[in-house]
Amino acid sequence: MIESGEVESISDLARRLRLDSSFVAKTIRLAALAPDIIEAIFDGQEPDGLSLKSMRRDIPLSWHDQRVELGAPHVSR
């Protein structure tokens, strides 16, 4: 909705979805996860202790830093 211009901001999106804007902002950050972390999660191979709650905190944008912080070593495929 943001990318298409249907809503102009996270606040607008939150209002439209009837969700707290903080929740929406934290959830949107998950779109910036490293592809190998996403794939590991889909494959059920996520690092021990990794949870949605832990991923909603401030996650670095750098994929390398994400792997370090979340305990997900880079996986070459």
N, C-alpha and C. Protein backbone atom coordinates (compact mmCIF):
# COMPACT_ATOMS: atom_id res chain seq x y z
N MET A 1 0.81 -1.19 0.00
CA MET A 1 0.00 0.00 0.00
C MET A 1 0.86 1.26 0.00
N ILE A 2 1.96 1.22 0.72
CA ILE A 2 2.87 2.38 0.73
C ILE A 2 3.55 2.50 -0.63
N GLU A 3 4.06 1.38 -1.13
CA GLU A 3 4.76 1.42 -2.42
C GLU A 3 3.85 1.86 -3.56
N SER A 4 2.59 1.46 -3.52
CA SER A 4 1.67 1.82 -4.60
C SER A 4 1.14 3.24 -4.48
N GLY A 5 1.36 3.87 -3.32
CA GLY A 5 0.86 5.22 -3.10
C GLY A 5 -0.56 5.26 -2.56
N GLU A 6 -1.10 4.08 -2.26
CA GLU A 6 -2.46 4.02 -1.71
C GLU A 6 -2.53 4.70 -0.35
N VAL A 7 -1.44 4.59 0.42
CA VAL A 7 -1.29 5.33 1.67
C VAL A 7 0.04 6.06 1.61
N GLU A 8 0.15 7.16 2.35
CA GLU A 8 1.35 7.99 2.25
C GLU A 8 2.40 7.71 3.32
N SER A 9 2.01 7.05 4.40
CA SER A 9 2.96 6.86 5.49
C SER A 9 2.60 5.63 6.30
N ILE A 10 3.50 5.28 7.20
CA ILE A 10 3.23 4.17 8.11
C ILE A 10 2.04 4.50 9.00
N SER A 11 1.92 5.74 9.42
CA SER A 11 0.78 6.15 10.24
C SER A 11 -0.54 5.96 9.48
N ASP A 12 -0.54 6.37 8.21
CA ASP A 12 -1.74 6.18 7.39
C ASP A 12 -2.06 4.69 7.23
N LEU A 13 -1.03 3.90 7.00
CA LEU A 13 -1.22 2.46 6.85
C LEU A 13 -1.80 1.86 8.12
N ALA A 14 -1.24 2.25 9.26
CA ALA A 14 -1.72 1.74 10.55
C ALA A 14 -3.19 2.10 10.77
N ARG A 15 -3.54 3.33 10.48
CA ARG A 15 -4.95 3.73 10.63
C ARG A 15 -5.84 2.89 9.72
N ARG A 16 -5.41 2.71 8.50
CA ARG A 16 -6.19 1.94 7.53
C ARG A 16 -6.38 0.50 7.99
N LEU A 17 -5.33 -0.08 8.58
CA LEU A 17 -5.38 -1.47 9.04
C LEU A 17 -5.91 -1.61 10.46
N ARG A 18 -6.17 -0.45 11.09
CA ARG A 18 -6.62 -0.42 12.48
C ARG A 18 -5.63 -1.13 13.42
N LEU A 19 -4.36 -0.77 13.21
CA LEU A 19 -3.28 -1.29 14.03
C LEU A 19 -2.48 -0.13 14.61
N ASP A 20 -1.75 -0.41 15.66
CA ASP A 20 -0.87 0.58 16.26
C ASP A 20 0.27 0.89 15.30
N SER A 21 0.58 2.16 15.11
CA SER A 21 1.62 2.54 14.14
C SER A 21 3.00 2.00 14.54
N SER A 22 3.25 1.86 15.84
CA SER A 22 4.51 1.28 16.29
C SER A 22 4.63 -0.18 15.85
N PHE A 23 3.55 -0.92 15.97
CA PHE A 23 3.52 -2.32 15.55
C PHE A 23 3.77 -2.42 14.05
N VAL A 24 3.12 -1.58 13.27
CA VAL A 24 3.28 -1.60 11.82
C VAL A 24 4.72 -1.25 11.44
N ALA A 25 5.29 -0.24 12.06
CA ALA A 25 6.66 0.16 11.76
C ALA A 25 7.65 -0.96 12.06
N LYS A 26 7.47 -1.61 13.18
CA LYS A 26 8.37 -2.71 13.55
C LYS A 26 8.20 -3.89 12.61
N THR A 27 6.99 -4.16 12.18
CA THR A 27 6.74 -5.28 11.29
C THR A 27 7.28 -5.02 9.89
N ILE A 28 7.16 -3.79 9.42
CA ILE A 28 7.67 -3.44 8.09
C ILE A 28 9.17 -3.66 8.00
N ARG A 29 9.87 -3.47 9.09
CA ARG A 29 11.33 -3.68 9.09
C ARG A 29 11.71 -5.09 8.65
N LEU A 30 10.80 -6.04 8.85
CA LEU A 30 11.09 -7.43 8.48
C LEU A 30 11.29 -7.58 6.97
N ALA A 31 10.78 -6.63 6.20
CA ALA A 31 10.96 -6.67 4.75
C ALA A 31 12.42 -6.46 4.35
N ALA A 32 13.24 -5.94 5.27
CA ALA A 32 14.64 -5.69 4.98
C ALA A 32 15.56 -6.81 5.47
N LEU A 33 14.98 -7.94 5.86
CA LEU A 33 15.82 -9.06 6.31
C LEU A 33 16.63 -9.64 5.16
N ALA A 34 17.81 -10.11 5.49
CA ALA A 34 18.66 -10.76 4.49
C ALA A 34 17.93 -11.96 3.89
N PRO A 35 18.04 -12.14 2.58
CA PRO A 35 17.33 -13.24 1.93
C PRO A 35 17.64 -14.62 2.52
N ASP A 36 18.88 -14.85 2.93
CA ASP A 36 19.21 -16.16 3.49
C ASP A 36 18.57 -16.36 4.86
N ILE A 37 18.35 -15.30 5.61
CA ILE A 37 17.65 -15.42 6.89
C ILE A 37 16.20 -15.77 6.64
N ILE A 38 15.58 -15.11 5.67
CA ILE A 38 14.19 -15.40 5.33
C ILE A 38 14.06 -16.85 4.87
N GLU A 39 14.97 -17.28 4.01
CA GLU A 39 14.92 -18.65 3.51
C GLU A 39 15.11 -19.67 4.64
N ALA A 40 16.02 -19.38 5.56
CA ALA A 40 16.24 -20.29 6.69
C ALA A 40 14.97 -20.40 7.54
N ILE A 41 14.27 -19.29 7.73
CA ILE A 41 13.03 -19.30 8.50
C ILE A 41 11.98 -20.15 7.78
N PHE A 42 11.82 -19.93 6.47
CA PHE A 42 10.85 -20.72 5.70
C PHE A 42 11.19 -22.21 5.71
N ASP A 43 12.49 -22.53 5.73
CA ASP A 43 12.93 -23.92 5.75
C ASP A 43 12.90 -24.53 7.15
N GLY A 44 12.54 -23.73 8.16
CA GLY A 44 12.53 -24.22 9.54
C GLY A 44 13.92 -24.35 10.12
N GLN A 45 14.88 -23.65 9.55
CA GLN A 45 16.28 -23.75 9.99
C GLN A 45 16.76 -22.48 10.68
N GLU A 46 15.83 -21.71 11.24
CA GLU A 46 16.22 -20.46 11.91
C GLU A 46 17.07 -20.77 13.14
N PRO A 47 17.91 -19.82 13.54
CA PRO A 47 18.76 -20.02 14.72
C PRO A 47 17.91 -20.23 15.98
N ASP A 48 18.44 -21.00 16.92
CA ASP A 48 17.75 -21.22 18.19
C ASP A 48 17.44 -19.89 18.86
N GLY A 49 16.24 -19.78 19.37
CA GLY A 49 15.84 -18.59 20.10
C GLY A 49 15.32 -17.45 19.22
N LEU A 50 15.41 -17.61 17.91
CA LEU A 50 14.91 -16.55 17.03
C LEU A 50 13.39 -16.58 17.04
N SER A 51 12.81 -15.43 17.28
CA SER A 51 11.34 -15.33 17.34
C SER A 51 10.90 -14.04 16.66
N LEU A 52 9.63 -13.97 16.38
CA LEU A 52 9.09 -12.76 15.78
C LEU A 52 9.34 -11.57 16.71
N LYS A 53 9.20 -11.79 18.00
CA LYS A 53 9.43 -10.72 18.97
C LYS A 53 10.88 -10.21 18.88
N SER A 54 11.82 -11.12 18.78
CA SER A 54 13.23 -10.69 18.73
C SER A 54 13.55 -9.98 17.42
N MET A 55 12.83 -10.32 16.35
CA MET A 55 13.08 -9.68 15.07
C MET A 55 12.38 -8.34 14.93
N ARG A 56 11.46 -8.03 15.82
CA ARG A 56 10.76 -6.75 15.73
C ARG A 56 11.52 -5.61 16.39
N ARG A 57 12.55 -5.92 17.15
CA ARG A 57 13.35 -4.83 17.72
C ARG A 57 14.14 -4.19 16.59
N ASP A 58 14.90 -3.18 16.89
CA ASP A 58 15.67 -2.49 15.86
C ASP A 58 16.71 -3.43 15.26
N ILE A 59 16.42 -3.89 14.06
CA ILE A 59 17.32 -4.78 13.34
C ILE A 59 18.17 -3.92 12.41
N PRO A 60 19.48 -4.16 12.38
CA PRO A 60 20.32 -3.37 11.47
C PRO A 60 19.93 -3.59 10.02
N LEU A 61 20.19 -2.61 9.18
CA LEU A 61 19.91 -2.75 7.75
C LEU A 61 20.96 -3.60 7.06
N SER A 62 22.18 -3.58 7.57
CA SER A 62 23.26 -4.39 6.98
C SER A 62 22.94 -5.87 7.17
N TRP A 63 22.95 -6.61 6.05
CA TRP A 63 22.66 -8.04 6.16
C TRP A 63 23.70 -8.76 7.00
N HIS A 64 24.97 -8.36 6.89
CA HIS A 64 26.01 -8.97 7.72
C HIS A 64 25.70 -8.74 9.21
N ASP A 65 25.38 -7.50 9.56
CA ASP A 65 25.07 -7.18 10.95
C ASP A 65 23.82 -7.92 11.44
N GLN A 66 22.85 -8.11 10.54
CA GLN A 66 21.66 -8.88 10.92
C GLN A 66 22.05 -10.30 11.30
N ARG A 67 22.91 -10.91 10.47
CA ARG A 67 23.32 -12.29 10.74
C ARG A 67 24.03 -12.39 12.09
N VAL A 68 24.87 -11.42 12.38
CA VAL A 68 25.59 -11.41 13.66
C VAL A 68 24.61 -11.25 14.81
N GLU A 69 23.74 -10.25 14.72
CA GLU A 69 22.81 -9.95 15.81
C GLU A 69 21.79 -11.07 16.04
N LEU A 70 21.30 -11.68 14.96
CA LEU A 70 20.28 -12.72 15.10
C LEU A 70 20.88 -14.12 15.22
N GLY A 71 22.20 -14.23 15.13
CA GLY A 71 22.84 -15.53 15.26
C GLY A 71 22.60 -16.43 14.06
N ALA A 72 22.52 -15.82 12.89
CA ALA A 72 22.24 -16.57 11.65
C ALA A 72 23.46 -16.47 10.74
N PRO A 73 24.31 -17.48 10.74
CA PRO A 73 25.47 -17.41 9.85
C PRO A 73 25.04 -17.40 8.39
N HIS A 74 25.82 -16.71 7.56
CA HIS A 74 25.50 -16.64 6.14
C HIS A 74 25.55 -18.03 5.54
N VAL A 75 24.54 -18.34 4.78
CA VAL A 75 24.45 -19.64 4.13
C VAL A 75 24.54 -19.43 2.63
N SER A 76 25.55 -20.01 2.00
CA SER A 76 25.66 -19.92 0.54
C SER A 76 24.79 -21.00 -0.06
N ARG A 77 24.05 -20.63 -1.08
CA ARG A 77 23.17 -21.63 -1.73
C ARG A 77 23.46 -21.64 -3.20
